[in-house]
Amino acid sequence: MTEYVCLTLLAEPGEAEASFKSRLTGLWSVMLKTVPLEYEKVCSEAVQFEREAGLVARRYMIDPEVLDILLPLLASRMIAHLPVEADDLYSKAEASSNEWFQLEH
């Protein structure tokens, strides 16, 4: 059974939601083009943007196996994230609730 971790990505201080959304689109486009098999391990995206410590944030449910590729990509694109709780795993059902938008692969 596949389990997922929650990855919370953070906008830059003062960055508007629209700008952050555009940067996220760029991130996922690069991942889809360069590592498509790993992109398929990104299960879902939170339906809404949130706020974390005053910053715009977006949560993703991802297969922990993709972290080794995704975290350096985030750093190269200057996208910050909260620490990933590797022991806090979620089932497919939890990653598919009404809080989450399923990504098409």
PDB file of N, CA and C in Angstrom:
ATOM      1  N   MET A   1       0.841  -1.183   0.000  1.00  0.00           N
ATOM      2  CA  MET A   1       0.000   0.000   0.000  1.00  0.00           C
ATOM      3  C   MET A   1       0.887   1.247   0.000  1.00  0.00           C
ATOM      4  N   THR A   2       0.631   2.151  -0.922  1.00  0.00           N
ATOM      5  CA  THR A   2       1.387   3.393  -1.000  1.00  0.00           C
ATOM      6  C   THR A   2       0.924   4.347   0.088  1.00  0.00           C
ATOM      7  N   GLU A   3       1.893   4.961   0.746  1.00  0.00           N
ATOM      8  CA  GLU A   3       1.604   5.983   1.740  1.00  0.00           C
ATOM      9  C   GLU A   3       2.296   7.269   1.319  1.00  0.00           C
ATOM     10  N   TYR A   4       1.780   8.376   1.817  1.00  0.00           N
ATOM     11  CA  TYR A   4       2.241   9.692   1.396  1.00  0.00           C
ATOM     12  C   TYR A   4       2.644  10.534   2.594  1.00  0.00           C
ATOM     13  N   VAL A   5       3.534  11.498   2.323  1.00  0.00           N
ATOM     14  CA  VAL A   5       3.867  12.520   3.307  1.00  0.00           C
ATOM     15  C   VAL A   5       3.296  13.834   2.809  1.00  0.00           C
ATOM     16  N   CYS A   6       3.109  14.750   3.729  1.00  0.00           N
ATOM     17  CA  CYS A   6       2.591  16.063   3.373  1.00  0.00           C
ATOM     18  C   CYS A   6       3.775  17.026   3.255  1.00  0.00           C
ATOM     19  N   LEU A   7       3.873  17.686   2.112  1.00  0.00           N
ATOM     20  CA  LEU A   7       4.912  18.675   1.865  1.00  0.00           C
ATOM     21  C   LEU A   7       4.236  20.031   1.718  1.00  0.00           C
ATOM     22  N   THR A   8       4.622  20.975   2.568  1.00  0.00           N
ATOM     23  CA  THR A   8       4.048  22.318   2.524  1.00  0.00           C
ATOM     24  C   THR A   8       5.072  23.263   1.915  1.00  0.00           C
ATOM     25  N   LEU A   9       4.722  23.847   0.773  1.00  0.00           N
ATOM     26  CA  LEU A   9       5.586  24.789   0.081  1.00  0.00           C
ATOM     27  C   LEU A   9       5.194  26.204   0.470  1.00  0.00           C
ATOM     28  N   LEU A  10       6.199  27.084   0.565  1.00  0.00           N
ATOM     29  CA  LEU A  10       5.989  28.438   1.072  1.00  0.00           C
ATOM     30  C   LEU A  10       6.375  29.498   0.054  1.00  0.00           C
ATOM     31  N   ALA A  11       5.546  30.524  -0.038  1.00  0.00           N
ATOM     32  CA  ALA A  11       5.862  31.681  -0.873  1.00  0.00           C
ATOM     33  C   ALA A  11       6.951  32.507  -0.190  1.00  0.00           C
ATOM     34  N   GLU A  12       7.512  33.426  -0.920  1.00  0.00           N
ATOM     35  CA  GLU A  12       8.476  34.356  -0.345  1.00  0.00           C
ATOM     36  C   GLU A  12       7.716  35.390   0.477  1.00  0.00           C
ATOM     37  N   PRO A  13       8.367  36.011   1.461  1.00  0.00           N
ATOM     38  CA  PRO A  13       7.684  37.066   2.224  1.00  0.00           C
ATOM     39  C   PRO A  13       7.154  38.160   1.289  1.00  0.00           C
ATOM     40  N   GLY A  14       5.897  38.495   1.456  1.00  0.00           N
ATOM     41  CA  GLY A  14       5.259  39.525   0.652  1.00  0.00           C
ATOM     42  C   GLY A  14       4.798  39.071  -0.722  1.00  0.00           C
ATOM     43  N   GLU A  15       5.063  37.825  -1.081  1.00  0.00           N
ATOM     44  CA  GLU A  15       4.668  37.326  -2.404  1.00  0.00           C
ATOM     45  C   GLU A  15       3.163  37.077  -2.435  1.00  0.00           C
ATOM     46  N   ALA A  16       2.520  37.553  -3.487  1.00  0.00           N
ATOM     47  CA  ALA A  16       1.083  37.367  -3.654  1.00  0.00           C
ATOM     48  C   ALA A  16       0.776  35.939  -4.088  1.00  0.00           C
ATOM     49  N   GLU A  17      -0.429  35.495  -3.810  1.00  0.00           N
ATOM     50  CA  GLU A  17      -0.850  34.142  -4.170  1.00  0.00           C
ATOM     51  C   GLU A  17      -0.692  33.880  -5.668  1.00  0.00           C
ATOM     52  N   ALA A  18      -1.057  34.846  -6.503  1.00  0.00           N
ATOM     53  CA  ALA A  18      -0.980  34.658  -7.956  1.00  0.00           C
ATOM     54  C   ALA A  18       0.466  34.426  -8.407  1.00  0.00           C
ATOM     55  N   SER A  19       1.382  35.172  -7.849  1.00  0.00           N
ATOM     56  CA  SER A  19       2.800  35.018  -8.195  1.00  0.00           C
ATOM     57  C   SER A  19       3.321  33.662  -7.737  1.00  0.00           C
ATOM     58  N   PHE A  20       2.957  33.270  -6.533  1.00  0.00           N
ATOM     59  CA  PHE A  20       3.389  31.973  -6.004  1.00  0.00           C
ATOM     60  C   PHE A  20       2.801  30.844  -6.843  1.00  0.00           C
ATOM     61  N   LYS A  21       1.548  30.975  -7.215  1.00  0.00           N
ATOM     62  CA  LYS A  21       0.899  29.966  -8.054  1.00  0.00           C
ATOM     63  C   LYS A  21       1.654  29.804  -9.370  1.00  0.00           C
ATOM     64  N   SER A  22       2.086  30.896  -9.949  1.00  0.00           N
ATOM     65  CA  SER A  22       2.845  30.858 -11.187  1.00  0.00           C
ATOM     66  C   SER A  22       4.183  30.134 -10.994  1.00  0.00           C
ATOM     67  N   ARG A  23       4.856  30.411  -9.888  1.00  0.00           N
ATOM     68  CA  ARG A  23       6.125  29.723  -9.612  1.00  0.00           C
ATOM     69  C   ARG A  23       5.906  28.233  -9.394  1.00  0.00           C
ATOM     70  N   LEU A  24       4.815  27.859  -8.742  1.00  0.00           N
ATOM     71  CA  LEU A  24       4.510  26.439  -8.547  1.00  0.00           C
ATOM     72  C   LEU A  24       4.229  25.756  -9.873  1.00  0.00           C
ATOM     73  N   THR A  25       3.512  26.436 -10.759  1.00  0.00           N
ATOM     74  CA  THR A  25       3.253  25.877 -12.089  1.00  0.00           C
ATOM     75  C   THR A  25       4.571  25.622 -12.812  1.00  0.00           C
ATOM     76  N   GLY A  26       5.498  26.555 -12.693  1.00  0.00           N
ATOM     77  CA  GLY A  26       6.817  26.373 -13.299  1.00  0.00           C
ATOM     78  C   GLY A  26       7.564  25.192 -12.706  1.00  0.00           C
ATOM     79  N   LEU A  27       7.499  25.046 -11.401  1.00  0.00           N
ATOM     80  CA  LEU A  27       8.147  23.918 -10.722  1.00  0.00           C
ATOM     81  C   LEU A  27       7.621  22.596 -11.251  1.00  0.00           C
ATOM     82  N   TRP A  28       6.308  22.442 -11.256  1.00  0.00           N
ATOM     83  CA  TRP A  28       5.728  21.167 -11.674  1.00  0.00           C
ATOM     84  C   TRP A  28       5.937  20.914 -13.167  1.00  0.00           C
ATOM     85  N   SER A  29       5.987  21.974 -13.972  1.00  0.00           N
ATOM     86  CA  SER A  29       6.276  21.805 -15.398  1.00  0.00           C
ATOM     87  C   SER A  29       7.688  21.266 -15.612  1.00  0.00           C
ATOM     88  N   VAL A  30       8.652  21.817 -14.870  1.00  0.00           N
ATOM     89  CA  VAL A  30      10.035  21.337 -14.969  1.00  0.00           C
ATOM     90  C   VAL A  30      10.112  19.887 -14.519  1.00  0.00           C
ATOM     91  N   MET A  31       9.457  19.572 -13.435  1.00  0.00           N
ATOM     92  CA  MET A  31       9.498  18.198 -12.935  1.00  0.00           C
ATOM     93  C   MET A  31       8.864  17.240 -13.939  1.00  0.00           C
ATOM     94  N   LEU A  32       7.747  17.632 -14.502  1.00  0.00           N
ATOM     95  CA  LEU A  32       7.062  16.783 -15.483  1.00  0.00           C
ATOM     96  C   LEU A  32       7.952  16.530 -16.706  1.00  0.00           C
ATOM     97  N   LYS A  33       8.691  17.553 -17.137  1.00  0.00           N
ATOM     98  CA  LYS A  33       9.552  17.423 -18.323  1.00  0.00           C
ATOM     99  C   LYS A  33      10.844  16.660 -18.038  1.00  0.00           C
ATOM    100  N   THR A  34      11.399  16.832 -16.834  1.00  0.00           N
ATOM    101  CA  THR A  34      12.723  16.269 -16.557  1.00  0.00           C
ATOM    102  C   THR A  34      12.687  14.936 -15.829  1.00  0.00           C
ATOM    103  N   VAL A  35      11.712  14.742 -14.972  1.00  0.00           N
ATOM    104  CA  VAL A  35      11.605  13.483 -14.212  1.00  0.00           C
ATOM    105  C   VAL A  35      10.138  13.046 -14.149  1.00  0.00           C
ATOM    106  N   PRO A  36       9.573  12.669 -15.291  1.00  0.00           N
ATOM    107  CA  PRO A  36       8.133  12.373 -15.339  1.00  0.00           C
ATOM    108  C   PRO A  36       7.700  11.210 -14.444  1.00  0.00           C
ATOM    109  N   LEU A  37       8.542  10.217 -14.260  1.00  0.00           N
ATOM    110  CA  LEU A  37       8.156   9.094 -13.395  1.00  0.00           C
ATOM    111  C   LEU A  37       8.037   9.539 -11.938  1.00  0.00           C
ATOM    112  N   GLU A  38       8.910  10.434 -11.513  1.00  0.00           N
ATOM    113  CA  GLU A  38       8.835  10.949 -10.151  1.00  0.00           C
ATOM    114  C   GLU A  38       7.649  11.894  -9.992  1.00  0.00           C
ATOM    115  N   TYR A  39       7.347  12.651 -11.058  1.00  0.00           N
ATOM    116  CA  TYR A  39       6.181  13.540 -11.002  1.00  0.00           C
ATOM    117  C   TYR A  39       4.913  12.737 -10.729  1.00  0.00           C
ATOM    118  N   GLU A  40       4.834  11.544 -11.264  1.00  0.00           N
ATOM    119  CA  GLU A  40       3.655  10.703 -11.045  1.00  0.00           C
ATOM    120  C   GLU A  40       3.476  10.323  -9.579  1.00  0.00           C
ATOM    121  N   LYS A  41       4.508  10.504  -8.767  1.00  0.00           N
ATOM    122  CA  LYS A  41       4.427  10.173  -7.345  1.00  0.00           C
ATOM    123  C   LYS A  41       3.935  11.356  -6.509  1.00  0.00           C
ATOM    124  N   VAL A  42       3.614  12.455  -7.169  1.00  0.00           N
ATOM    125  CA  VAL A  42       2.964  13.581  -6.503  1.00  0.00           C
ATOM    126  C   VAL A  42       1.475  13.302  -6.632  1.00  0.00           C
ATOM    127  N   CYS A  43       0.866  12.940  -5.531  1.00  0.00           N
ATOM    128  CA  CYS A  43      -0.507  12.423  -5.543  1.00  0.00           C
ATOM    129  C   CYS A  43      -1.558  13.522  -5.640  1.00  0.00           C
ATOM    130  N   SER A  44      -1.470  14.512  -4.749  1.00  0.00           N
ATOM    131  CA  SER A  44      -2.550  15.492  -4.687  1.00  0.00           C
ATOM    132  C   SER A  44      -2.046  16.827  -4.157  1.00  0.00           C
ATOM    133  N   GLU A  45      -2.870  17.841  -4.399  1.00  0.00           N
ATOM    134  CA  GLU A  45      -2.582  19.211  -4.010  1.00  0.00           C
ATOM    135  C   GLU A  45      -3.761  19.708  -3.171  1.00  0.00           C
ATOM    136  N   ALA A  46      -3.467  20.454  -2.127  1.00  0.00           N
ATOM    137  CA  ALA A  46      -4.555  21.013  -1.320  1.00  0.00           C
ATOM    138  C   ALA A  46      -5.446  21.874  -2.212  1.00  0.00           C
ATOM    139  N   VAL A  47      -6.739  21.822  -1.983  1.00  0.00           N
ATOM    140  CA  VAL A  47      -7.702  22.547  -2.804  1.00  0.00           C
ATOM    141  C   VAL A  47      -7.467  24.051  -2.723  1.00  0.00           C
ATOM    142  N   GLN A  48      -7.066  24.536  -1.552  1.00  0.00           N
ATOM    143  CA  GLN A  48      -6.905  25.976  -1.363  1.00  0.00           C
ATOM    144  C   GLN A  48      -5.501  26.309  -0.870  1.00  0.00           C
ATOM    145  N   PHE A  49      -5.068  27.520  -1.195  1.00  0.00           N
ATOM    146  CA  PHE A  49      -3.860  28.048  -0.582  1.00  0.00           C
ATOM    147  C   PHE A  49      -4.166  28.320   0.881  1.00  0.00           C
ATOM    148  N   GLU A  50      -3.136  28.291   1.700  1.00  0.00           N
ATOM    149  CA  GLU A  50      -3.275  28.537   3.135  1.00  0.00           C
ATOM    150  C   GLU A  50      -2.247  29.579   3.550  1.00  0.00           C
ATOM    151  N   ARG A  51      -2.184  29.854   4.842  1.00  0.00           N
ATOM    152  CA  ARG A  51      -1.175  30.753   5.397  1.00  0.00           C
ATOM    153  C   ARG A  51      -0.381  29.974   6.439  1.00  0.00           C
ATOM    154  N   GLU A  52       0.931  30.110   6.373  1.00  0.00           N
ATOM    155  CA  GLU A  52       1.842  29.526   7.358  1.00  0.00           C
ATOM    156  C   GLU A  52       2.809  30.618   7.776  1.00  0.00           C
ATOM    157  N   ALA A  53       2.786  30.986   9.043  1.00  0.00           N
ATOM    158  CA  ALA A  53       3.679  32.030   9.572  1.00  0.00           C
ATOM    159  C   ALA A  53       3.603  33.303   8.724  1.00  0.00           C
ATOM    160  N   GLY A  54       2.401  33.655   8.286  1.00  0.00           N
ATOM    161  CA  GLY A  54       2.194  34.858   7.503  1.00  0.00           C
ATOM    162  C   GLY A  54       2.526  34.742   6.025  1.00  0.00           C
ATOM    163  N   LEU A  55       2.905  33.557   5.567  1.00  0.00           N
ATOM    164  CA  LEU A  55       3.267  33.345   4.170  1.00  0.00           C
ATOM    165  C   LEU A  55       2.186  32.538   3.457  1.00  0.00           C
ATOM    166  N   VAL A  56       2.009  32.793   2.179  1.00  0.00           N
ATOM    167  CA  VAL A  56       1.123  31.965   1.368  1.00  0.00           C
ATOM    168  C   VAL A  56       1.748  30.574   1.293  1.00  0.00           C
ATOM    169  N   ALA A  57       0.930  29.535   1.425  1.00  0.00           N
ATOM    170  CA  ALA A  57       1.438  28.156   1.439  1.00  0.00           C
ATOM    171  C   ALA A  57       0.504  27.253   0.653  1.00  0.00           C
ATOM    172  N   ARG A  58       1.089  26.167   0.134  1.00  0.00           N
ATOM    173  CA  ARG A  58       0.290  25.141  -0.559  1.00  0.00           C
ATOM    174  C   ARG A  58       0.808  23.784  -0.134  1.00  0.00           C
ATOM    175  N   ARG A  59      -0.099  22.880   0.230  1.00  0.00           N
ATOM    176  CA  ARG A  59       0.280  21.530   0.670  1.00  0.00           C
ATOM    177  C   ARG A  59       0.121  20.529  -0.467  1.00  0.00           C
ATOM    178  N   TYR A  60       1.020  19.533  -0.454  1.00  0.00           N
ATOM    179  CA  TYR A  60       0.993  18.448  -1.433  1.00  0.00           C
ATOM    180  C   TYR A  60       1.175  17.129  -0.714  1.00  0.00           C
ATOM    181  N   MET A  61       0.488  16.122  -1.185  1.00  0.00           N
ATOM    182  CA  MET A  61       0.704  14.753  -0.716  1.00  0.00           C
ATOM    183  C   MET A  61       1.599  14.068  -1.738  1.00  0.00           C
ATOM    184  N   ILE A  62       2.748  13.590  -1.268  1.00  0.00           N
ATOM    185  CA  ILE A  62       3.714  12.985  -2.181  1.00  0.00           C
ATOM    186  C   ILE A  62       4.239  11.674  -1.609  1.00  0.00           C
ATOM    187  N   ASP A  63       4.647  10.807  -2.504  1.00  0.00           N
ATOM    188  CA  ASP A  63       5.310   9.563  -2.127  1.00  0.00           C
ATOM    189  C   ASP A  63       6.672   9.945  -1.540  1.00  0.00           C
ATOM    190  N   PRO A  64       7.026   9.454  -0.363  1.00  0.00           N
ATOM    191  CA  PRO A  64       8.308   9.818   0.248  1.00  0.00           C
ATOM    192  C   PRO A  64       9.511   9.520  -0.643  1.00  0.00           C
ATOM    193  N   GLU A  65       9.386   8.570  -1.557  1.00  0.00           N
ATOM    194  CA  GLU A  65      10.508   8.220  -2.434  1.00  0.00           C
ATOM    195  C   GLU A  65      10.930   9.374  -3.336  1.00  0.00           C
ATOM    196  N   VAL A  66      10.052  10.323  -3.598  1.00  0.00           N
ATOM    197  CA  VAL A  66      10.363  11.417  -4.511  1.00  0.00           C
ATOM    198  C   VAL A  66      11.096  12.570  -3.818  1.00  0.00           C
ATOM    199  N   LEU A  67      11.177  12.539  -2.496  1.00  0.00           N
ATOM    200  CA  LEU A  67      11.807  13.644  -1.765  1.00  0.00           C
ATOM    201  C   LEU A  67      13.252  13.882  -2.180  1.00  0.00           C
ATOM    202  N   ASP A  68      14.008  12.820  -2.433  1.00  0.00           N
ATOM    203  CA  ASP A  68      15.422  12.980  -2.799  1.00  0.00           C
ATOM    204  C   ASP A  68      15.599  13.763  -4.094  1.00  0.00           C
ATOM    205  N   ILE A  69      14.627  13.724  -4.961  1.00  0.00           N
ATOM    206  CA  ILE A  69      14.695  14.477  -6.223  1.00  0.00           C
ATOM    207  C   ILE A  69      14.014  15.836  -6.081  1.00  0.00           C
ATOM    208  N   LEU A  70      12.899  15.861  -5.387  1.00  0.00           N
ATOM    209  CA  LEU A  70      12.109  17.085  -5.299  1.00  0.00           C
ATOM    210  C   LEU A  70      12.762  18.157  -4.427  1.00  0.00           C
ATOM    211  N   LEU A  71      13.331  17.790  -3.296  1.00  0.00           N
ATOM    212  CA  LEU A  71      13.890  18.809  -2.401  1.00  0.00           C
ATOM    213  C   LEU A  71      15.022  19.611  -3.048  1.00  0.00           C
ATOM    214  N   PRO A  72      15.978  18.979  -3.754  1.00  0.00           N
ATOM    215  CA  PRO A  72      16.985  19.788  -4.454  1.00  0.00           C
ATOM    216  C   PRO A  72      16.380  20.665  -5.561  1.00  0.00           C
ATOM    217  N   LEU A  73      15.336  20.171  -6.219  1.00  0.00           N
ATOM    218  CA  LEU A  73      14.667  20.972  -7.252  1.00  0.00           C
ATOM    219  C   LEU A  73      14.022  22.204  -6.615  1.00  0.00           C
ATOM    220  N   LEU A  74      13.414  22.036  -5.464  1.00  0.00           N
ATOM    221  CA  LEU A  74      12.826  23.177  -4.751  1.00  0.00           C
ATOM    222  C   LEU A  74      13.901  24.201  -4.416  1.00  0.00           C
ATOM    223  N   ALA A  75      15.038  23.724  -3.914  1.00  0.00           N
ATOM    224  CA  ALA A  75      16.132  24.624  -3.556  1.00  0.00           C
ATOM    225  C   ALA A  75      16.635  25.383  -4.779  1.00  0.00           C
ATOM    226  N   SER A  76      16.770  24.691  -5.911  1.00  0.00           N
ATOM    227  CA  SER A  76      17.274  25.342  -7.122  1.00  0.00           C
ATOM    228  C   SER A  76      16.308  26.400  -7.644  1.00  0.00           C
ATOM    229  N   ARG A  77      15.029  26.249  -7.348  1.00  0.00           N
ATOM    230  CA  ARG A  77      14.007  27.204  -7.790  1.00  0.00           C
ATOM    231  C   ARG A  77      13.636  28.179  -6.679  1.00  0.00           C
ATOM    232  N   MET A  78      14.383  28.118  -5.573  1.00  0.00           N
ATOM    233  CA  MET A  78      14.196  29.023  -4.434  1.00  0.00           C
ATOM    234  C   MET A  78      12.769  28.991  -3.892  1.00  0.00           C
ATOM    235  N   ILE A  79      12.255  27.774  -3.731  1.00  0.00           N
ATOM    236  CA  ILE A  79      10.940  27.573  -3.124  1.00  0.00           C
ATOM    237  C   ILE A  79      11.164  26.918  -1.770  1.00  0.00           C
ATOM    238  N   ALA A  80      10.801  27.632  -0.724  1.00  0.00           N
ATOM    239  CA  ALA A  80      10.979  27.136   0.638  1.00  0.00           C
ATOM    240  C   ALA A  80       9.870  26.157   0.989  1.00  0.00           C
ATOM    241  N   HIS A  81      10.118  25.353   2.011  1.00  0.00           N
ATOM    242  CA  HIS A  81       9.114  24.392   2.468  1.00  0.00           C
ATOM    243  C   HIS A  81       9.266  24.177   3.965  1.00  0.00           C
ATOM    244  N   LEU A  82       8.202  23.728   4.578  1.00  0.00           N
ATOM    245  CA  LEU A  82       8.266  23.329   5.985  1.00  0.00           C
ATOM    246  C   LEU A  82       8.979  21.989   6.071  1.00  0.00           C
ATOM    247  N   PRO A  83       9.557  21.676   7.224  1.00  0.00           N
ATOM    248  CA  PRO A  83      10.173  20.351   7.370  1.00  0.00           C
ATOM    249  C   PRO A  83       9.144  19.251   7.114  1.00  0.00           C
ATOM    250  N   VAL A  84       9.587  18.209   6.431  1.00  0.00           N
ATOM    251  CA  VAL A  84       8.709  17.081   6.124  1.00  0.00           C
ATOM    252  C   VAL A  84       8.746  16.108   7.298  1.00  0.00           C
ATOM    253  N   GLU A  85       7.578  15.749   7.784  1.00  0.00           N
ATOM    254  CA  GLU A  85       7.453  14.781   8.872  1.00  0.00           C
ATOM    255  C   GLU A  85       7.440  13.379   8.260  1.00  0.00           C
ATOM    256  N   ALA A  86       8.608  12.780   8.127  1.00  0.00           N
ATOM    257  CA  ALA A  86       8.733  11.490   7.442  1.00  0.00           C
ATOM    258  C   ALA A  86       7.959  10.366   8.133  1.00  0.00           C
ATOM    259  N   ASP A  87       7.728  10.505   9.428  1.00  0.00           N
ATOM    260  CA  ASP A  87       7.001   9.469  10.165  1.00  0.00           C
ATOM    261  C   ASP A  87       5.492   9.675  10.135  1.00  0.00           C
ATOM    262  N   ASP A  88       5.052  10.814   9.642  1.00  0.00           N
ATOM    263  CA  ASP A  88       3.629  11.140   9.587  1.00  0.00           C
ATOM    264  C   ASP A  88       3.120  10.779   8.196  1.00  0.00           C
ATOM    265  N   LEU A  89       2.660   9.536   8.044  1.00  0.00           N
ATOM    266  CA  LEU A  89       2.252   9.008   6.745  1.00  0.00           C
ATOM    267  C   LEU A  89       0.740   9.010   6.588  1.00  0.00           C
ATOM    268  N   TYR A  90       0.305   9.206   5.346  1.00  0.00           N
ATOM    269  CA  TYR A  90      -1.118   9.275   5.024  1.00  0.00           C
ATOM    270  C   TYR A  90      -1.454   8.214   3.988  1.00  0.00           C
ATOM    271  N   SER A  91      -2.633   7.658   4.097  1.00  0.00           N
ATOM    272  CA  SER A  91      -3.097   6.657   3.129  1.00  0.00           C
ATOM    273  C   SER A  91      -3.611   7.342   1.864  1.00  0.00           C
ATOM    274  N   LYS A  92      -3.844   6.553   0.830  1.00  0.00           N
ATOM    275  CA  LYS A  92      -4.431   7.072  -0.414  1.00  0.00           C
ATOM    276  C   LYS A  92      -5.797   7.689  -0.130  1.00  0.00           C
ATOM    277  N   ALA A  93      -6.566   7.072   0.743  1.00  0.00           N
ATOM    278  CA  ALA A  93      -7.888   7.611   1.075  1.00  0.00           C
ATOM    279  C   ALA A  93      -7.770   8.990   1.723  1.00  0.00           C
ATOM    280  N   GLU A  94      -6.804   9.155   2.625  1.00  0.00           N
ATOM    281  CA  GLU A  94      -6.610  10.453   3.270  1.00  0.00           C
ATOM    282  C   GLU A  94      -6.129  11.500   2.270  1.00  0.00           C
ATOM    283  N   ALA A  95      -5.299  11.083   1.322  1.00  0.00           N
ATOM    284  CA  ALA A  95      -4.771  11.996   0.306  1.00  0.00           C
ATOM    285  C   ALA A  95      -5.799  12.270  -0.791  1.00  0.00           C
ATOM    286  N   SER A  96      -6.957  11.644  -0.698  1.00  0.00           N
ATOM    287  CA  SER A  96      -7.999  11.798  -1.708  1.00  0.00           C
ATOM    288  C   SER A  96      -9.269  12.423  -1.148  1.00  0.00           C
ATOM    289  N   SER A  97      -9.228  12.888   0.092  1.00  0.00           N
ATOM    290  CA  SER A  97     -10.436  13.467   0.689  1.00  0.00           C
ATOM    291  C   SER A  97     -10.794  14.770  -0.016  1.00  0.00           C
ATOM    292  N   ASN A  98     -11.888  15.382   0.403  1.00  0.00           N
ATOM    293  CA  ASN A  98     -12.362  16.593  -0.265  1.00  0.00           C
ATOM    294  C   ASN A  98     -11.457  17.806  -0.043  1.00  0.00           C
ATOM    295  N   GLU A  99     -10.437  17.685   0.804  1.00  0.00           N
ATOM    296  CA  GLU A  99      -9.459  18.759   1.000  1.00  0.00           C
ATOM    297  C   GLU A  99      -8.406  18.778  -0.090  1.00  0.00           C
ATOM    298  N   TRP A 100      -8.381  17.727  -0.909  1.00  0.00           N
ATOM    299  CA  TRP A 100      -7.300  17.519  -1.867  1.00  0.00           C
ATOM    300  C   TRP A 100      -7.820  17.422  -3.284  1.00  0.00           C
ATOM    301  N   PHE A 101      -7.052  17.999  -4.215  1.00  0.00           N
ATOM    302  CA  PHE A 101      -7.311  17.884  -5.635  1.00  0.00           C
ATOM    303  C   PHE A 101      -6.345  16.837  -6.175  1.00  0.00           C
ATOM    304  N   GLN A 102      -6.873  15.806  -6.808  1.00  0.00           N
ATOM    305  CA  GLN A 102      -6.037  14.730  -7.364  1.00  0.00           C
ATOM    306  C   GLN A 102      -5.348  15.218  -8.635  1.00  0.00           C
ATOM    307  N   LEU A 103      -4.036  15.077  -8.685  1.00  0.00           N
ATOM    308  CA  LEU A 103      -3.285  15.499  -9.857  1.00  0.00           C
ATOM    309  C   LEU A 103      -3.415  14.461 -10.969  1.00  0.00           C
ATOM    310  N   GLU A 104      -3.606  14.949 -12.168  1.00  0.00           N
ATOM    311  CA  GLU A 104      -3.721  14.065 -13.323  1.00  0.00           C
ATOM    312  C   GLU A 104      -2.328  13.701 -13.806  1.00  0.00           C
ATOM    313  N   HIS A 105      -2.112  12.446 -14.087  1.00  0.00           N
ATOM    314  CA  HIS A 105      -0.801  12.007 -14.571  1.00  0.00           C
ATOM    315  C   HIS A 105      -0.952  11.325 -15.907  1.00  0.00           C
TER     316      HIS A 105
END
